[in-house]
Amino acid sequence: MRAIQKLFFAAALAALAMPAFSQGVPSAETTQDRKENQQDRIANGTANGQLTAGETRNLEKKESELNQEERDMRKLDRGKLTPGDRATLNQQQNRLSRQIYRDKHNAPVQNTNPKSEVGKRQENQQDRIAQGIKSGQLTAGEASRLERRDAARNHEIARDRAANGGKLTAQEKAQINRQQNHTSRAIYRDKHNGKTQ
């Protein structure tokens, strides 16, 4: 029995002594591939209505924070990621991946077949944001800000409809139209400002 314990202990020490890259720490290429894959999953969930504007905003905010952390790590190590940095980023990407899955498979969904003009514009803007995320024209931070606006407008529309028996007054429609115009211009600017994911 003691021989087995010594053998197990020796194997454990040998594993700790191995270089970090041979222990399955993701490479820089894998880290970038995962970021792109997760952005595609968010974009697809936004486009097909599995993700609400609020869920997309939250995911993009987390993605933006993760990107900033990676930039900070690289700054500390002259543009490189250490194996420990890669392992940390991998763990955080795993958490974000699970959150994307949960949000895409929970009950709240975005209306992908609206009947009203307001709803059709909201859907069109969601599609433009999703396309910008997928193509990389929108950074995670830009997408998060746009989705925050969209989520706030969705709440405002819901409150207005609840106060008026399910309808929007002409004044409320005009106000929402102005907000949608403002967001539409912001989407265009963010998609064409030269910043990419």
C-alpha atoms as a PDB file:
ATOM      1  CA  MET A   1       0.000   0.000   0.000  1.00  0.00           C
ATOM      2  CA  ARG A   2       2.839   2.381   0.867  1.00  0.00           C
ATOM      3  CA  ALA A   3       4.497   1.718  -2.464  1.00  0.00           C
ATOM      4  CA  ILE A   4       1.305   2.762  -4.272  1.00  0.00           C
ATOM      5  CA  GLN A   5       1.076   5.946  -2.208  1.00  0.00           C
ATOM      6  CA  LYS A   6       4.718   6.805  -2.984  1.00  0.00           C
ATOM      7  CA  LEU A   7       4.135   6.126  -6.678  1.00  0.00           C
ATOM      8  CA  PHE A   8       1.024   8.321  -6.679  1.00  0.00           C
ATOM      9  CA  PHE A   9       2.916  11.099  -4.842  1.00  0.00           C
ATOM     10  CA  ALA A  10       5.822  10.898  -7.286  1.00  0.00           C
ATOM     11  CA  ALA A  11       3.421  11.088 -10.257  1.00  0.00           C
ATOM     12  CA  ALA A  12       1.709  14.127  -8.748  1.00  0.00           C
ATOM     13  CA  LEU A  13       5.052  15.904  -8.255  1.00  0.00           C
ATOM     14  CA  ALA A  14       6.074  15.102 -11.819  1.00  0.00           C
ATOM     15  CA  ALA A  15       2.838  16.574 -13.144  1.00  0.00           C
ATOM     16  CA  LEU A  16       3.445  19.783 -11.207  1.00  0.00           C
ATOM     17  CA  ALA A  17       6.979  20.027 -12.519  1.00  0.00           C
ATOM     18  CA  MET A  18       5.869  19.817 -16.181  1.00  0.00           C
ATOM     19  CA  PRO A  19       5.873  23.041 -18.206  1.00  0.00           C
ATOM     20  CA  ALA A  20       2.547  24.890 -18.137  1.00  0.00           C
ATOM     21  CA  PHE A  21       1.929  24.594 -21.870  1.00  0.00           C
ATOM     22  CA  SER A  22       1.918  20.812 -21.662  1.00  0.00           C
ATOM     23  CA  GLN A  23      -0.789  20.918 -18.974  1.00  0.00           C
ATOM     24  CA  GLY A  24      -3.494  21.996 -21.374  1.00  0.00           C
ATOM     25  CA  VAL A  25      -3.211  25.763 -20.937  1.00  0.00           C
ATOM     26  CA  PRO A  26      -4.854  27.247 -24.025  1.00  0.00           C
ATOM     27  CA  SER A  27      -2.700  28.975 -26.618  1.00  0.00           C
ATOM     28  CA  ALA A  28      -3.229  32.574 -27.729  1.00  0.00           C
ATOM     29  CA  GLU A  29      -4.821  31.262 -30.911  1.00  0.00           C
ATOM     30  CA  THR A  30      -7.311  29.198 -28.912  1.00  0.00           C
ATOM     31  CA  THR A  31      -8.181  32.200 -26.737  1.00  0.00           C
ATOM     32  CA  GLN A  32      -8.945  34.318 -29.829  1.00  0.00           C
ATOM     33  CA  ASP A  33     -10.914  31.487 -31.467  1.00  0.00           C
ATOM     34  CA  ARG A  34     -13.044  31.118 -28.340  1.00  0.00           C
ATOM     35  CA  LYS A  35     -13.732  34.860 -28.215  1.00  0.00           C
ATOM     36  CA  GLU A  36     -14.874  34.792 -31.843  1.00  0.00           C
ATOM     37  CA  ASN A  37     -17.004  31.700 -31.234  1.00  0.00           C
ATOM     38  CA  GLN A  38     -18.689  33.272 -28.230  1.00  0.00           C
ATOM     39  CA  GLN A  39     -19.365  36.484 -30.149  1.00  0.00           C
ATOM     40  CA  ASP A  40     -20.977  34.380 -32.906  1.00  0.00           C
ATOM     41  CA  ARG A  41     -23.142  32.586 -30.328  1.00  0.00           C
ATOM     42  CA  ILE A  42     -24.269  35.921 -28.866  1.00  0.00           C
ATOM     43  CA  ALA A  43     -24.970  37.327 -32.349  1.00  0.00           C
ATOM     44  CA  ASN A  44     -26.991  34.260 -33.325  1.00  0.00           C
ATOM     45  CA  GLY A  45     -28.981  34.417 -30.083  1.00  0.00           C
ATOM     46  CA  THR A  46     -29.679  38.103 -30.662  1.00  0.00           C
ATOM     47  CA  ALA A  47     -30.731  37.573 -34.290  1.00  0.00           C
ATOM     48  CA  ASN A  48     -33.033  34.620 -33.641  1.00  0.00           C
ATOM     49  CA  GLY A  49     -34.643  36.112 -30.513  1.00  0.00           C
ATOM     50  CA  GLN A  50     -33.221  33.614 -27.986  1.00  0.00           C
ATOM     51  CA  LEU A  51     -31.496  36.528 -26.240  1.00  0.00           C
ATOM     52  CA  THR A  52     -33.366  39.610 -25.108  1.00  0.00           C
ATOM     53  CA  ALA A  53     -31.737  43.030 -25.429  1.00  0.00           C
ATOM     54  CA  GLY A  54     -31.028  42.978 -21.686  1.00  0.00           C
ATOM     55  CA  GLU A  55     -29.393  39.542 -21.819  1.00  0.00           C
ATOM     56  CA  THR A  56     -27.301  40.566 -24.829  1.00  0.00           C
ATOM     57  CA  ARG A  57     -26.256  43.770 -23.043  1.00  0.00           C
ATOM     58  CA  ASN A  58     -25.176  41.784 -19.973  1.00  0.00           C
ATOM     59  CA  LEU A  59     -23.206  39.228 -22.021  1.00  0.00           C
ATOM     60  CA  GLU A  60     -21.506  41.905 -24.110  1.00  0.00           C
ATOM     61  CA  LYS A  61     -20.597  43.830 -20.958  1.00  0.00           C
ATOM     62  CA  LYS A  62     -18.935  40.703 -19.560  1.00  0.00           C
ATOM     63  CA  GLU A  63     -17.172  40.114 -22.881  1.00  0.00           C
ATOM     64  CA  SER A  64     -15.949  43.722 -22.877  1.00  0.00           C
ATOM     65  CA  GLU A  65     -14.609  43.357 -19.315  1.00  0.00           C
ATOM     66  CA  LEU A  66     -12.854  40.126 -20.283  1.00  0.00           C
ATOM     67  CA  ASN A  67     -11.270  41.849 -23.299  1.00  0.00           C
ATOM     68  CA  GLN A  68     -10.065  44.700 -21.064  1.00  0.00           C
ATOM     69  CA  GLU A  69      -8.580  42.226 -18.602  1.00  0.00           C
ATOM     70  CA  GLU A  70      -6.714  40.526 -21.449  1.00  0.00           C
ATOM     71  CA  ARG A  71      -5.350  43.906 -22.628  1.00  0.00           C
ATOM     72  CA  ASP A  72      -4.208  44.669 -19.061  1.00  0.00           C
ATOM     73  CA  MET A  73      -2.487  41.273 -18.794  1.00  0.00           C
ATOM     74  CA  ARG A  74      -0.694  41.848 -22.096  1.00  0.00           C
ATOM     75  CA  LYS A  75       0.381  45.324 -20.986  1.00  0.00           C
ATOM     76  CA  LEU A  76       2.039  43.850 -17.886  1.00  0.00           C
ATOM     77  CA  ASP A  77       3.970  41.268 -19.928  1.00  0.00           C
ATOM     78  CA  ARG A  78       5.112  43.333 -22.909  1.00  0.00           C
ATOM     79  CA  GLY A  79       2.302  42.253 -25.242  1.00  0.00           C
ATOM     80  CA  LYS A  80       2.338  38.571 -24.333  1.00  0.00           C
ATOM     81  CA  LEU A  81       0.063  36.338 -22.276  1.00  0.00           C
ATOM     82  CA  THR A  82       1.719  34.079 -19.728  1.00  0.00           C
ATOM     83  CA  PRO A  83       0.458  30.494 -19.350  1.00  0.00           C
ATOM     84  CA  GLY A  84      -1.162  31.580 -16.078  1.00  0.00           C
ATOM     85  CA  ASP A  85      -2.905  34.475 -17.870  1.00  0.00           C
ATOM     86  CA  ARG A  86      -4.210  32.082 -20.520  1.00  0.00           C
ATOM     87  CA  ALA A  87      -5.503  29.693 -17.863  1.00  0.00           C
ATOM     88  CA  THR A  88      -7.293  32.555 -16.069  1.00  0.00           C
ATOM     89  CA  LEU A  89      -8.849  33.801 -19.320  1.00  0.00           C
ATOM     90  CA  ASN A  90      -9.894  30.248 -20.197  1.00  0.00           C
ATOM     91  CA  GLN A  91     -11.721  29.871 -16.863  1.00  0.00           C
ATOM     92  CA  GLN A  92     -13.494  33.175 -17.400  1.00  0.00           C
ATOM     93  CA  GLN A  93     -14.447  32.200 -20.948  1.00  0.00           C
ATOM     94  CA  ASN A  94     -15.859  28.940 -19.590  1.00  0.00           C
ATOM     95  CA  ARG A  95     -18.070  30.916 -17.184  1.00  0.00           C
ATOM     96  CA  LEU A  96     -19.202  33.241 -19.970  1.00  0.00           C
ATOM     97  CA  SER A  97     -19.920  30.270 -22.225  1.00  0.00           C
ATOM     98  CA  ARG A  98     -22.178  28.722 -19.587  1.00  0.00           C
ATOM     99  CA  GLN A  99     -23.959  32.067 -19.132  1.00  0.00           C
ATOM    100  CA  ILE A 100     -24.567  32.327 -22.903  1.00  0.00           C
ATOM    101  CA  TYR A 101     -26.065  28.839 -22.878  1.00  0.00           C
ATOM    102  CA  ARG A 102     -28.313  29.592 -19.883  1.00  0.00           C
ATOM    103  CA  ASP A 103     -29.538  32.877 -21.352  1.00  0.00           C
ATOM    104  CA  LYS A 104     -30.247  31.324 -24.749  1.00  0.00           C
ATOM    105  CA  HIS A 105     -32.235  28.474 -23.191  1.00  0.00           C
ATOM    106  CA  ASN A 106     -34.258  30.310 -20.540  1.00  0.00           C
ATOM    107  CA  ALA A 107     -37.865  31.494 -20.889  1.00  0.00           C
ATOM    108  CA  PRO A 108     -37.436  35.187 -21.867  1.00  0.00           C
ATOM    109  CA  VAL A 109     -37.201  35.729 -25.628  1.00  0.00           C
ATOM    110  CA  GLN A 110     -37.190  38.689 -27.990  1.00  0.00           C
ATOM    111  CA  ASN A 111     -40.210  39.077 -30.299  1.00  0.00           C
ATOM    112  CA  THR A 112     -38.942  38.127 -33.773  1.00  0.00           C
ATOM    113  CA  ASN A 113     -42.246  38.709 -35.553  1.00  0.00           C
ATOM    114  CA  PRO A 114     -43.579  42.068 -34.374  1.00  0.00           C
ATOM    115  CA  LYS A 115     -46.780  43.488 -35.863  1.00  0.00           C
ATOM    116  CA  SER A 116     -46.396  47.196 -35.012  1.00  0.00           C
ATOM    117  CA  GLU A 117     -44.134  49.690 -36.769  1.00  0.00           C
ATOM    118  CA  VAL A 118     -42.334  50.329 -33.464  1.00  0.00           C
ATOM    119  CA  GLY A 119     -41.758  46.594 -33.014  1.00  0.00           C
ATOM    120  CA  LYS A 120     -40.521  46.164 -36.592  1.00  0.00           C
ATOM    121  CA  ARG A 121     -37.967  48.949 -36.128  1.00  0.00           C
ATOM    122  CA  GLN A 122     -36.831  47.399 -32.848  1.00  0.00           C
ATOM    123  CA  GLU A 123     -36.376  44.050 -34.616  1.00  0.00           C
ATOM    124  CA  ASN A 124     -34.475  45.686 -37.488  1.00  0.00           C
ATOM    125  CA  GLN A 125     -32.108  47.394 -35.061  1.00  0.00           C
ATOM    126  CA  GLN A 126     -31.568  44.113 -33.186  1.00  0.00           C
ATOM    127  CA  ASP A 127     -30.689  42.469 -36.517  1.00  0.00           C
ATOM    128  CA  ARG A 128     -28.221  45.259 -37.332  1.00  0.00           C
ATOM    129  CA  ILE A 129     -26.571  44.901 -33.925  1.00  0.00           C
ATOM    130  CA  ALA A 130     -26.414  41.096 -34.288  1.00  0.00           C
ATOM    131  CA  GLN A 131     -24.828  41.443 -37.732  1.00  0.00           C
ATOM    132  CA  GLY A 132     -22.288  43.939 -36.343  1.00  0.00           C
ATOM    133  CA  ILE A 133     -21.375  41.552 -33.524  1.00  0.00           C
ATOM    134  CA  LYS A 134     -21.030  38.609 -35.905  1.00  0.00           C
ATOM    135  CA  SER A 135     -18.927  40.528 -38.442  1.00  0.00           C
ATOM    136  CA  GLY A 136     -16.726  42.094 -35.756  1.00  0.00           C
ATOM    137  CA  GLN A 137     -17.740  45.647 -36.762  1.00  0.00           C
ATOM    138  CA  LEU A 138     -19.029  46.199 -33.225  1.00  0.00           C
ATOM    139  CA  THR A 139     -16.766  45.712 -30.254  1.00  0.00           C
ATOM    140  CA  ALA A 140     -18.209  44.075 -27.157  1.00  0.00           C
ATOM    141  CA  GLY A 141     -18.322  47.467 -25.413  1.00  0.00           C
ATOM    142  CA  GLU A 142     -20.147  49.120 -28.317  1.00  0.00           C
ATOM    143  CA  ALA A 143     -22.662  46.281 -28.513  1.00  0.00           C
ATOM    144  CA  SER A 144     -23.214  46.475 -24.750  1.00  0.00           C
ATOM    145  CA  ARG A 145     -23.976  50.228 -24.924  1.00  0.00           C
ATOM    146  CA  LEU A 146     -26.349  49.782 -27.879  1.00  0.00           C
ATOM    147  CA  GLU A 147     -28.144  46.922 -26.152  1.00  0.00           C
ATOM    148  CA  ARG A 148     -28.458  48.970 -22.953  1.00  0.00           C
ATOM    149  CA  ARG A 149     -30.314  51.618 -24.967  1.00  0.00           C
ATOM    150  CA  ASP A 150     -32.471  48.968 -26.605  1.00  0.00           C
ATOM    151  CA  ALA A 151     -33.342  47.304 -23.289  1.00  0.00           C
ATOM    152  CA  ALA A 152     -34.268  50.671 -21.738  1.00  0.00           C
ATOM    153  CA  ARG A 153     -36.510  51.470 -24.700  1.00  0.00           C
ATOM    154  CA  ASN A 154     -38.163  48.030 -24.479  1.00  0.00           C
ATOM    155  CA  HIS A 155     -38.968  48.718 -20.802  1.00  0.00           C
ATOM    156  CA  GLU A 156     -40.302  52.167 -21.671  1.00  0.00           C
ATOM    157  CA  ILE A 157     -42.548  50.718 -24.400  1.00  0.00           C
ATOM    158  CA  ALA A 158     -43.841  48.036 -22.018  1.00  0.00           C
ATOM    159  CA  ARG A 159     -44.607  50.656 -19.330  1.00  0.00           C
ATOM    160  CA  ASP A 160     -46.366  52.921 -21.845  1.00  0.00           C
ATOM    161  CA  ARG A 161     -48.447  50.047 -23.206  1.00  0.00           C
ATOM    162  CA  ALA A 162     -49.385  48.916 -19.686  1.00  0.00           C
ATOM    163  CA  ALA A 163     -50.510  52.448 -18.811  1.00  0.00           C
ATOM    164  CA  ASN A 164     -52.665  52.730 -21.964  1.00  0.00           C
ATOM    165  CA  GLY A 165     -54.413  49.379 -22.208  1.00  0.00           C
ATOM    166  CA  GLY A 166     -51.816  47.773 -24.507  1.00  0.00           C
ATOM    167  CA  LYS A 167     -51.562  50.665 -26.989  1.00  0.00           C
ATOM    168  CA  LEU A 168     -49.130  53.514 -27.526  1.00  0.00           C
ATOM    169  CA  THR A 169     -50.396  57.077 -27.874  1.00  0.00           C
ATOM    170  CA  ALA A 170     -49.337  59.160 -30.890  1.00  0.00           C
ATOM    171  CA  GLN A 171     -47.054  61.198 -28.617  1.00  0.00           C
ATOM    172  CA  GLU A 172     -45.404  58.025 -27.230  1.00  0.00           C
ATOM    173  CA  LYS A 173     -44.908  56.666 -30.766  1.00  0.00           C
ATOM    174  CA  ALA A 174     -43.251  59.932 -31.815  1.00  0.00           C
ATOM    175  CA  GLN A 175     -40.960  59.858 -28.756  1.00  0.00           C
ATOM    176  CA  ILE A 176     -39.966  56.236 -29.410  1.00  0.00           C
ATOM    177  CA  ASN A 177     -39.385  57.022 -33.091  1.00  0.00           C
ATOM    178  CA  ARG A 178     -36.950  59.818 -32.116  1.00  0.00           C
ATOM    179  CA  GLN A 179     -35.139  57.423 -29.770  1.00  0.00           C
ATOM    180  CA  GLN A 180     -34.977  54.780 -32.493  1.00  0.00           C
ATOM    181  CA  ASN A 181     -33.548  57.343 -34.934  1.00  0.00           C
ATOM    182  CA  HIS A 182     -30.881  58.235 -32.372  1.00  0.00           C
ATOM    183  CA  THR A 183     -30.021  54.546 -31.828  1.00  0.00           C
ATOM    184  CA  SER A 184     -29.994  53.879 -35.569  1.00  0.00           C
ATOM    185  CA  ARG A 185     -27.383  56.608 -36.080  1.00  0.00           C
ATOM    186  CA  ALA A 186     -25.360  55.246 -33.144  1.00  0.00           C
ATOM    187  CA  ILE A 187     -25.402  51.748 -34.669  1.00  0.00           C
ATOM    188  CA  TYR A 188     -24.157  53.166 -37.970  1.00  0.00           C
ATOM    189  CA  ARG A 189     -21.403  55.222 -36.301  1.00  0.00           C
ATOM    190  CA  ASP A 190     -20.229  52.311 -34.150  1.00  0.00           C
ATOM    191  CA  LYS A 191     -20.187  49.908 -37.099  1.00  0.00           C
ATOM    192  CA  HIS A 192     -18.171  52.337 -39.254  1.00  0.00           C
ATOM    193  CA  ASN A 193     -15.752  53.927 -36.753  1.00  0.00           C
ATOM    194  CA  GLY A 194     -12.816  51.627 -37.544  1.00  0.00           C
ATOM    195  CA  LYS A 195     -12.928  49.788 -34.200  1.00  0.00           C
ATOM    196  CA  THR A 196     -13.315  46.045 -34.587  1.00  0.00           C
ATOM    197  CA  GLN A 197     -13.712  43.061 -32.295  1.00  0.00           C
END
